[in-house]
Amino acid sequence: MKKLILMLAAILAFATTTAQEKSNYDETYLAAKHVVEKEKPTLVMITATWCGPCKMMKNQIMKDAEVATILKKMNVIYFDVDQKDIQEDIKKFKATGFKGSIPFFAILDKNGKVVTTQLGSSEKSKFVTFLNKAFDSKK
């Protein structure tokens, strides 16, 4: 009987924790379904397969060892402007300053709130500084 009570208590605690995590996540900019690890900040990149600066950021800057180490501490989500099924997701970023130019980057804290944004490609040192803002926030 004690085992049954302990199992039920554990299930209830897990369900409560999961419900709290979901209710604390603000979906104003990004649906929680896109975020794999809720305890990590999230980098959203609005991109396109045909975009030269986007390719440079993805294939060079984001694959650099220092940058890749930082990105491992984050959820990284790519939204392609030509992908029809995510147009509503992309529109949400207009409130953060996104006007259609790409690449566009937004860092969201673990609660889904925008920490900072960046428009355009950048050199590695500037991008590292940008990414580290995800961890400067004490949220």
N, C-alpha and C. Protein backbone atom coordinates (compact mmCIF):
# COMPACT_ATOMS: atom_id res chain seq x y z
N MET A 1 0.82 -1.19 0.00
CA MET A 1 0.00 0.00 0.00
C MET A 1 0.87 1.26 0.00
N LYS A 2 1.97 1.21 0.80
CA LYS A 2 2.87 2.37 0.84
C LYS A 2 3.49 2.64 -0.53
N LYS A 3 3.84 1.57 -1.24
CA LYS A 3 4.43 1.72 -2.57
C LYS A 3 3.44 2.39 -3.52
N LEU A 4 2.18 2.00 -3.44
CA LEU A 4 1.16 2.57 -4.29
C LEU A 4 1.00 4.05 -3.99
N ILE A 5 0.97 4.40 -2.72
CA ILE A 5 0.83 5.81 -2.33
C ILE A 5 2.03 6.62 -2.81
N LEU A 6 3.23 6.07 -2.67
CA LEU A 6 4.44 6.76 -3.13
C LEU A 6 4.43 6.94 -4.64
N MET A 7 3.98 5.91 -5.37
CA MET A 7 3.90 6.02 -6.82
C MET A 7 2.90 7.09 -7.24
N LEU A 8 1.75 7.12 -6.60
CA LEU A 8 0.74 8.13 -6.91
C LEU A 8 1.24 9.53 -6.59
N ALA A 9 1.96 9.67 -5.48
CA ALA A 9 2.52 10.97 -5.11
C ALA A 9 3.56 11.43 -6.14
N ALA A 10 4.38 10.50 -6.61
CA ALA A 10 5.39 10.83 -7.61
C ALA A 10 4.74 11.25 -8.92
N ILE A 11 3.69 10.53 -9.33
CA ILE A 11 2.97 10.87 -10.56
C ILE A 11 2.32 12.24 -10.43
N LEU A 12 1.72 12.52 -9.29
CA LEU A 12 1.08 13.81 -9.06
C LEU A 12 2.12 14.93 -9.08
N ALA A 13 3.27 14.72 -8.45
CA ALA A 13 4.33 15.73 -8.42
C ALA A 13 4.84 16.00 -9.83
N PHE A 14 5.02 14.95 -10.64
CA PHE A 14 5.48 15.11 -12.02
C PHE A 14 4.46 15.88 -12.84
N ALA A 15 3.20 15.51 -12.71
CA ALA A 15 2.14 16.18 -13.47
C ALA A 15 2.04 17.64 -13.08
N THR A 16 2.19 17.95 -11.81
CA THR A 16 2.14 19.33 -11.35
C THR A 16 3.30 20.13 -11.89
N THR A 17 4.49 19.56 -11.85
CA THR A 17 5.69 20.23 -12.36
C THR A 17 5.55 20.49 -13.85
N THR A 18 5.09 19.50 -14.61
CA THR A 18 4.92 19.66 -16.05
C THR A 18 3.89 20.73 -16.35
N ALA A 19 2.80 20.76 -15.64
CA ALA A 19 1.77 21.77 -15.86
C ALA A 19 2.31 23.16 -15.52
N GLN A 20 3.10 23.28 -14.46
CA GLN A 20 3.67 24.57 -14.09
C GLN A 20 4.63 25.06 -15.15
N GLU A 21 5.50 24.17 -15.68
CA GLU A 21 6.44 24.57 -16.71
C GLU A 21 5.70 25.11 -17.92
N LYS A 22 4.66 24.43 -18.32
CA LYS A 22 3.91 24.85 -19.50
C LYS A 22 3.22 26.19 -19.25
N SER A 23 2.67 26.39 -18.08
CA SER A 23 1.94 27.63 -17.81
C SER A 23 2.87 28.83 -17.63
N ASN A 24 4.15 28.59 -17.29
CA ASN A 24 5.10 29.68 -17.13
C ASN A 24 5.70 30.12 -18.46
N TYR A 25 5.57 29.33 -19.50
CA TYR A 25 6.17 29.66 -20.78
C TYR A 25 5.25 30.59 -21.55
N ASP A 26 5.75 31.76 -21.89
CA ASP A 26 4.99 32.77 -22.62
C ASP A 26 5.09 32.47 -24.13
N GLU A 27 3.99 32.17 -24.77
CA GLU A 27 3.98 31.81 -26.18
C GLU A 27 3.76 33.00 -27.11
N THR A 28 3.99 34.20 -26.63
CA THR A 28 3.80 35.40 -27.45
C THR A 28 4.62 35.31 -28.73
N TYR A 29 5.87 34.87 -28.63
CA TYR A 29 6.76 34.82 -29.78
C TYR A 29 7.03 33.43 -30.32
N LEU A 30 7.00 32.44 -29.45
CA LEU A 30 7.35 31.09 -29.87
C LEU A 30 6.50 30.08 -29.11
N ALA A 31 5.86 29.21 -29.86
CA ALA A 31 5.05 28.17 -29.23
C ALA A 31 5.94 27.22 -28.44
N ALA A 32 5.51 26.85 -27.27
CA ALA A 32 6.28 25.96 -26.40
C ALA A 32 6.58 24.62 -27.08
N LYS A 33 5.76 24.22 -28.03
CA LYS A 33 5.98 22.95 -28.73
C LYS A 33 7.30 22.93 -29.50
N HIS A 34 7.82 24.09 -29.85
CA HIS A 34 9.09 24.17 -30.58
C HIS A 34 10.31 24.02 -29.67
N VAL A 35 10.11 24.20 -28.37
CA VAL A 35 11.23 24.22 -27.42
C VAL A 35 11.40 22.83 -26.80
N VAL A 36 12.55 22.23 -27.03
CA VAL A 36 12.82 20.88 -26.54
C VAL A 36 13.18 20.90 -25.06
N GLU A 37 14.11 21.75 -24.67
CA GLU A 37 14.57 21.79 -23.28
C GLU A 37 14.18 23.14 -22.67
N LYS A 38 13.11 23.13 -21.89
CA LYS A 38 12.53 24.37 -21.36
C LYS A 38 13.45 25.13 -20.40
N GLU A 39 14.44 24.45 -19.81
CA GLU A 39 15.33 25.14 -18.87
C GLU A 39 16.43 25.93 -19.57
N LYS A 40 16.52 25.81 -20.89
CA LYS A 40 17.55 26.51 -21.66
C LYS A 40 16.96 27.72 -22.38
N PRO A 41 17.78 28.75 -22.62
CA PRO A 41 17.32 29.83 -23.50
C PRO A 41 17.24 29.30 -24.94
N THR A 42 16.58 30.05 -25.80
CA THR A 42 16.37 29.61 -27.17
C THR A 42 16.86 30.67 -28.15
N LEU A 43 17.57 30.20 -29.18
CA LEU A 43 17.96 31.06 -30.29
C LEU A 43 17.05 30.73 -31.46
N VAL A 44 16.37 31.74 -31.97
CA VAL A 44 15.54 31.57 -33.16
C VAL A 44 16.25 32.29 -34.30
N MET A 45 16.45 31.59 -35.40
CA MET A 45 17.02 32.20 -36.60
C MET A 45 15.98 32.15 -37.70
N ILE A 46 15.62 33.32 -38.21
CA ILE A 46 14.73 33.38 -39.36
C ILE A 46 15.65 33.49 -40.57
N THR A 47 15.50 32.55 -41.48
CA THR A 47 16.48 32.33 -42.53
C THR A 47 15.79 31.94 -43.83
N ALA A 48 16.59 31.61 -44.85
CA ALA A 48 16.09 31.05 -46.10
C ALA A 48 17.23 30.28 -46.76
N THR A 49 16.89 29.24 -47.50
CA THR A 49 17.92 28.42 -48.13
C THR A 49 18.68 29.19 -49.20
N TRP A 50 18.07 30.20 -49.79
CA TRP A 50 18.69 30.97 -50.87
C TRP A 50 19.48 32.18 -50.37
N CYS A 51 19.47 32.43 -49.08
CA CYS A 51 20.07 33.64 -48.49
C CYS A 51 21.57 33.44 -48.25
N GLY A 52 22.41 34.20 -48.96
CA GLY A 52 23.86 34.10 -48.81
C GLY A 52 24.35 34.40 -47.40
N PRO A 53 23.95 35.53 -46.79
CA PRO A 53 24.39 35.81 -45.43
C PRO A 53 23.90 34.76 -44.41
N CYS A 54 22.72 34.20 -44.65
CA CYS A 54 22.20 33.14 -43.78
C CYS A 54 23.09 31.91 -43.86
N LYS A 55 23.44 31.54 -45.10
CA LYS A 55 24.31 30.38 -45.30
C LYS A 55 25.66 30.59 -44.61
N MET A 56 26.21 31.79 -44.74
CA MET A 56 27.49 32.09 -44.11
C MET A 56 27.39 31.94 -42.60
N MET A 57 26.33 32.45 -42.02
CA MET A 57 26.16 32.35 -40.56
C MET A 57 26.03 30.88 -40.14
N LYS A 58 25.20 30.11 -40.86
CA LYS A 58 24.98 28.70 -40.50
C LYS A 58 26.19 27.83 -40.76
N ASN A 59 26.86 28.04 -41.88
CA ASN A 59 27.94 27.15 -42.28
C ASN A 59 29.33 27.54 -41.77
N GLN A 60 29.50 28.79 -41.38
CA GLN A 60 30.81 29.22 -40.89
C GLN A 60 30.74 29.65 -39.42
N ILE A 61 30.02 30.70 -39.15
CA ILE A 61 30.01 31.27 -37.80
C ILE A 61 29.41 30.30 -36.78
N MET A 62 28.26 29.74 -37.09
CA MET A 62 27.59 28.87 -36.12
C MET A 62 28.28 27.51 -35.96
N LYS A 63 29.14 27.15 -36.90
CA LYS A 63 29.89 25.90 -36.79
C LYS A 63 31.27 26.11 -36.17
N ASP A 64 31.64 27.35 -35.93
CA ASP A 64 32.90 27.63 -35.25
C ASP A 64 32.86 26.97 -33.87
N ALA A 65 33.98 26.45 -33.41
CA ALA A 65 34.03 25.69 -32.15
C ALA A 65 33.52 26.50 -30.96
N GLU A 66 33.93 27.75 -30.84
CA GLU A 66 33.49 28.57 -29.70
C GLU A 66 31.99 28.83 -29.76
N VAL A 67 31.50 29.17 -30.93
CA VAL A 67 30.06 29.44 -31.10
C VAL A 67 29.26 28.15 -30.88
N ALA A 68 29.73 27.04 -31.43
CA ALA A 68 29.03 25.77 -31.27
C ALA A 68 28.92 25.37 -29.81
N THR A 69 29.94 25.67 -29.01
CA THR A 69 29.90 25.37 -27.58
C THR A 69 28.78 26.14 -26.90
N ILE A 70 28.63 27.40 -27.27
CA ILE A 70 27.55 28.22 -26.69
C ILE A 70 26.19 27.70 -27.15
N LEU A 71 26.09 27.37 -28.44
CA LEU A 71 24.80 26.91 -28.98
C LEU A 71 24.34 25.60 -28.35
N LYS A 72 25.28 24.78 -27.87
CA LYS A 72 24.91 23.54 -27.19
C LYS A 72 24.16 23.80 -25.88
N LYS A 73 24.30 25.00 -25.35
CA LYS A 73 23.62 25.38 -24.10
C LYS A 73 22.26 26.00 -24.38
N MET A 74 21.85 25.98 -25.65
CA MET A 74 20.60 26.63 -26.05
C MET A 74 19.76 25.69 -26.90
N ASN A 75 18.48 26.00 -27.00
CA ASN A 75 17.64 25.42 -28.03
C ASN A 75 17.89 26.28 -29.27
N VAL A 76 18.07 25.68 -30.42
CA VAL A 76 18.28 26.44 -31.65
C VAL A 76 17.18 26.05 -32.63
N ILE A 77 16.45 27.06 -33.07
CA ILE A 77 15.31 26.83 -33.95
C ILE A 77 15.47 27.68 -35.21
N TYR A 78 15.31 27.05 -36.36
CA TYR A 78 15.39 27.74 -37.64
C TYR A 78 14.00 27.84 -38.24
N PHE A 79 13.63 29.05 -38.66
CA PHE A 79 12.38 29.25 -39.39
C PHE A 79 12.76 29.75 -40.79
N ASP A 80 12.40 28.99 -41.81
CA ASP A 80 12.68 29.37 -43.18
C ASP A 80 11.50 30.19 -43.71
N VAL A 81 11.78 31.39 -44.21
CA VAL A 81 10.72 32.29 -44.65
C VAL A 81 9.88 31.71 -45.79
N ASP A 82 10.41 30.74 -46.50
CA ASP A 82 9.66 30.13 -47.61
C ASP A 82 8.81 28.94 -47.20
N GLN A 83 8.92 28.54 -45.96
CA GLN A 83 8.16 27.39 -45.47
C GLN A 83 6.75 27.85 -45.10
N LYS A 84 5.77 27.35 -45.78
CA LYS A 84 4.38 27.82 -45.64
C LYS A 84 3.79 27.56 -44.25
N ASP A 85 4.11 26.41 -43.65
CA ASP A 85 3.45 26.02 -42.40
C ASP A 85 3.95 26.77 -41.16
N ILE A 86 4.95 27.62 -41.29
CA ILE A 86 5.45 28.35 -40.11
C ILE A 86 5.30 29.87 -40.26
N GLN A 87 4.52 30.30 -41.22
CA GLN A 87 4.35 31.74 -41.46
C GLN A 87 3.77 32.47 -40.24
N GLU A 88 2.84 31.83 -39.54
CA GLU A 88 2.26 32.44 -38.34
C GLU A 88 3.32 32.59 -37.25
N ASP A 89 4.22 31.60 -37.15
CA ASP A 89 5.31 31.67 -36.17
C ASP A 89 6.22 32.85 -36.48
N ILE A 90 6.55 33.03 -37.75
CA ILE A 90 7.44 34.12 -38.15
C ILE A 90 6.79 35.48 -37.89
N LYS A 91 5.50 35.61 -38.17
CA LYS A 91 4.80 36.88 -37.98
C LYS A 91 4.88 37.37 -36.53
N LYS A 92 4.95 36.45 -35.59
CA LYS A 92 5.01 36.82 -34.17
C LYS A 92 6.23 37.68 -33.87
N PHE A 93 7.30 37.51 -34.65
CA PHE A 93 8.54 38.23 -34.38
C PHE A 93 8.53 39.67 -34.88
N LYS A 94 7.47 40.08 -35.58
CA LYS A 94 7.36 41.47 -36.03
C LYS A 94 7.36 42.42 -34.83
N ALA A 95 6.79 41.98 -33.74
CA ALA A 95 6.75 42.82 -32.53
C ALA A 95 8.13 43.02 -31.91
N THR A 96 9.12 42.21 -32.33
CA THR A 96 10.47 42.34 -31.79
C THR A 96 11.37 43.17 -32.70
N GLY A 97 10.82 43.62 -33.83
CA GLY A 97 11.60 44.41 -34.76
C GLY A 97 11.85 43.72 -36.09
N PHE A 98 11.40 42.49 -36.25
CA PHE A 98 11.58 41.78 -37.51
C PHE A 98 10.72 42.42 -38.58
N LYS A 99 11.37 42.87 -39.66
CA LYS A 99 10.64 43.52 -40.75
C LYS A 99 10.74 42.76 -42.06
N GLY A 100 11.25 41.53 -42.00
CA GLY A 100 11.35 40.72 -43.20
C GLY A 100 12.77 40.50 -43.69
N SER A 101 13.71 41.31 -43.23
CA SER A 101 15.11 41.13 -43.63
C SER A 101 15.71 39.95 -42.88
N ILE A 102 16.55 39.20 -43.59
CA ILE A 102 17.17 38.02 -42.98
C ILE A 102 18.67 38.02 -43.24
N PRO A 103 19.43 37.34 -42.44
CA PRO A 103 19.03 36.55 -41.28
C PRO A 103 18.61 37.45 -40.12
N PHE A 104 17.66 36.96 -39.36
CA PHE A 104 17.19 37.64 -38.15
C PHE A 104 17.31 36.65 -37.01
N PHE A 105 17.88 37.11 -35.92
CA PHE A 105 18.08 36.26 -34.74
C PHE A 105 17.35 36.85 -33.55
N ALA A 106 16.73 35.99 -32.76
CA ALA A 106 16.11 36.41 -31.51
C ALA A 106 16.51 35.41 -30.43
N ILE A 107 16.90 35.94 -29.29
CA ILE A 107 17.18 35.08 -28.14
C ILE A 107 16.02 35.23 -27.17
N LEU A 108 15.46 34.10 -26.78
CA LEU A 108 14.38 34.07 -25.81
C LEU A 108 14.89 33.39 -24.55
N ASP A 109 14.46 33.89 -23.40
CA ASP A 109 14.86 33.24 -22.15
C ASP A 109 14.06 31.96 -21.96
N LYS A 110 14.31 31.26 -20.88
CA LYS A 110 13.65 29.97 -20.66
C LYS A 110 12.14 30.10 -20.48
N ASN A 111 11.65 31.33 -20.29
CA ASN A 111 10.22 31.56 -20.14
C ASN A 111 9.56 32.05 -21.42
N GLY A 112 10.35 32.13 -22.52
CA GLY A 112 9.79 32.55 -23.80
C GLY A 112 9.80 34.03 -24.03
N LYS A 113 10.41 34.80 -23.16
CA LYS A 113 10.47 36.26 -23.31
C LYS A 113 11.72 36.64 -24.11
N VAL A 114 11.59 37.63 -24.98
CA VAL A 114 12.70 38.06 -25.81
C VAL A 114 13.74 38.79 -24.95
N VAL A 115 14.99 38.33 -25.05
CA VAL A 115 16.11 38.95 -24.35
C VAL A 115 16.74 40.01 -25.26
N THR A 116 17.00 39.63 -26.52
CA THR A 116 17.62 40.53 -27.48
C THR A 116 17.43 39.99 -28.89
N THR A 117 17.66 40.84 -29.88
CA THR A 117 17.56 40.43 -31.28
C THR A 117 18.76 40.97 -32.05
N GLN A 118 18.99 40.38 -33.20
CA GLN A 118 20.06 40.85 -34.10
C GLN A 118 19.61 40.65 -35.53
N LEU A 119 19.84 41.66 -36.34
CA LEU A 119 19.53 41.58 -37.76
C LEU A 119 20.82 41.48 -38.55
N GLY A 120 20.87 40.55 -39.46
CA GLY A 120 22.00 40.43 -40.36
C GLY A 120 23.10 39.53 -39.86
N SER A 121 24.02 39.26 -40.78
CA SER A 121 25.17 38.44 -40.42
C SER A 121 26.17 39.29 -39.64
N SER A 122 27.07 38.62 -38.96
CA SER A 122 28.07 39.35 -38.19
C SER A 122 29.33 38.51 -38.05
N GLU A 123 30.38 39.15 -37.66
CA GLU A 123 31.62 38.42 -37.42
C GLU A 123 31.46 37.61 -36.14
N LYS A 124 32.34 36.64 -35.98
CA LYS A 124 32.24 35.71 -34.86
C LYS A 124 32.21 36.40 -33.51
N SER A 125 33.12 37.33 -33.26
CA SER A 125 33.19 37.96 -31.93
C SER A 125 31.90 38.70 -31.58
N LYS A 126 31.31 39.37 -32.55
CA LYS A 126 30.05 40.07 -32.31
C LYS A 126 28.92 39.07 -32.04
N PHE A 127 28.92 37.96 -32.77
CA PHE A 127 27.87 36.95 -32.59
C PHE A 127 28.02 36.27 -31.23
N VAL A 128 29.25 36.02 -30.80
CA VAL A 128 29.48 35.43 -29.47
C VAL A 128 28.95 36.36 -28.39
N THR A 129 29.23 37.65 -28.53
CA THR A 129 28.71 38.64 -27.57
C THR A 129 27.18 38.62 -27.55
N PHE A 130 26.59 38.56 -28.74
CA PHE A 130 25.13 38.49 -28.86
C PHE A 130 24.59 37.24 -28.16
N LEU A 131 25.17 36.07 -28.45
CA LEU A 131 24.70 34.83 -27.84
C LEU A 131 24.83 34.83 -26.32
N ASN A 132 25.90 35.40 -25.83
CA ASN A 132 26.13 35.41 -24.38
C ASN A 132 25.11 36.25 -23.61
N LYS A 133 24.39 37.11 -24.31
CA LYS A 133 23.33 37.87 -23.66
C LYS A 133 22.22 36.96 -23.13
N ALA A 134 22.13 35.76 -23.70
CA ALA A 134 21.14 34.78 -23.23
C ALA A 134 21.44 34.36 -21.80
N PHE A 135 22.70 34.45 -21.43
CA PHE A 135 23.11 34.00 -20.10
C PHE A 135 23.38 35.14 -19.14
N ASP A 136 23.40 36.37 -19.64
CA ASP A 136 23.56 37.55 -18.78
C ASP A 136 22.29 37.82 -18.00
N SER A 137 21.18 37.45 -18.61
CA SER A 137 19.88 37.66 -17.99
C SER A 137 19.70 36.72 -16.81
N LYS A 138 19.29 37.23 -15.69
CA LYS A 138 19.13 36.40 -14.47
C LYS A 138 17.67 36.00 -14.29
N LYS A 139 17.02 35.63 -15.35
CA LYS A 139 15.60 35.26 -15.27
C LYS A 139 15.47 33.81 -14.92
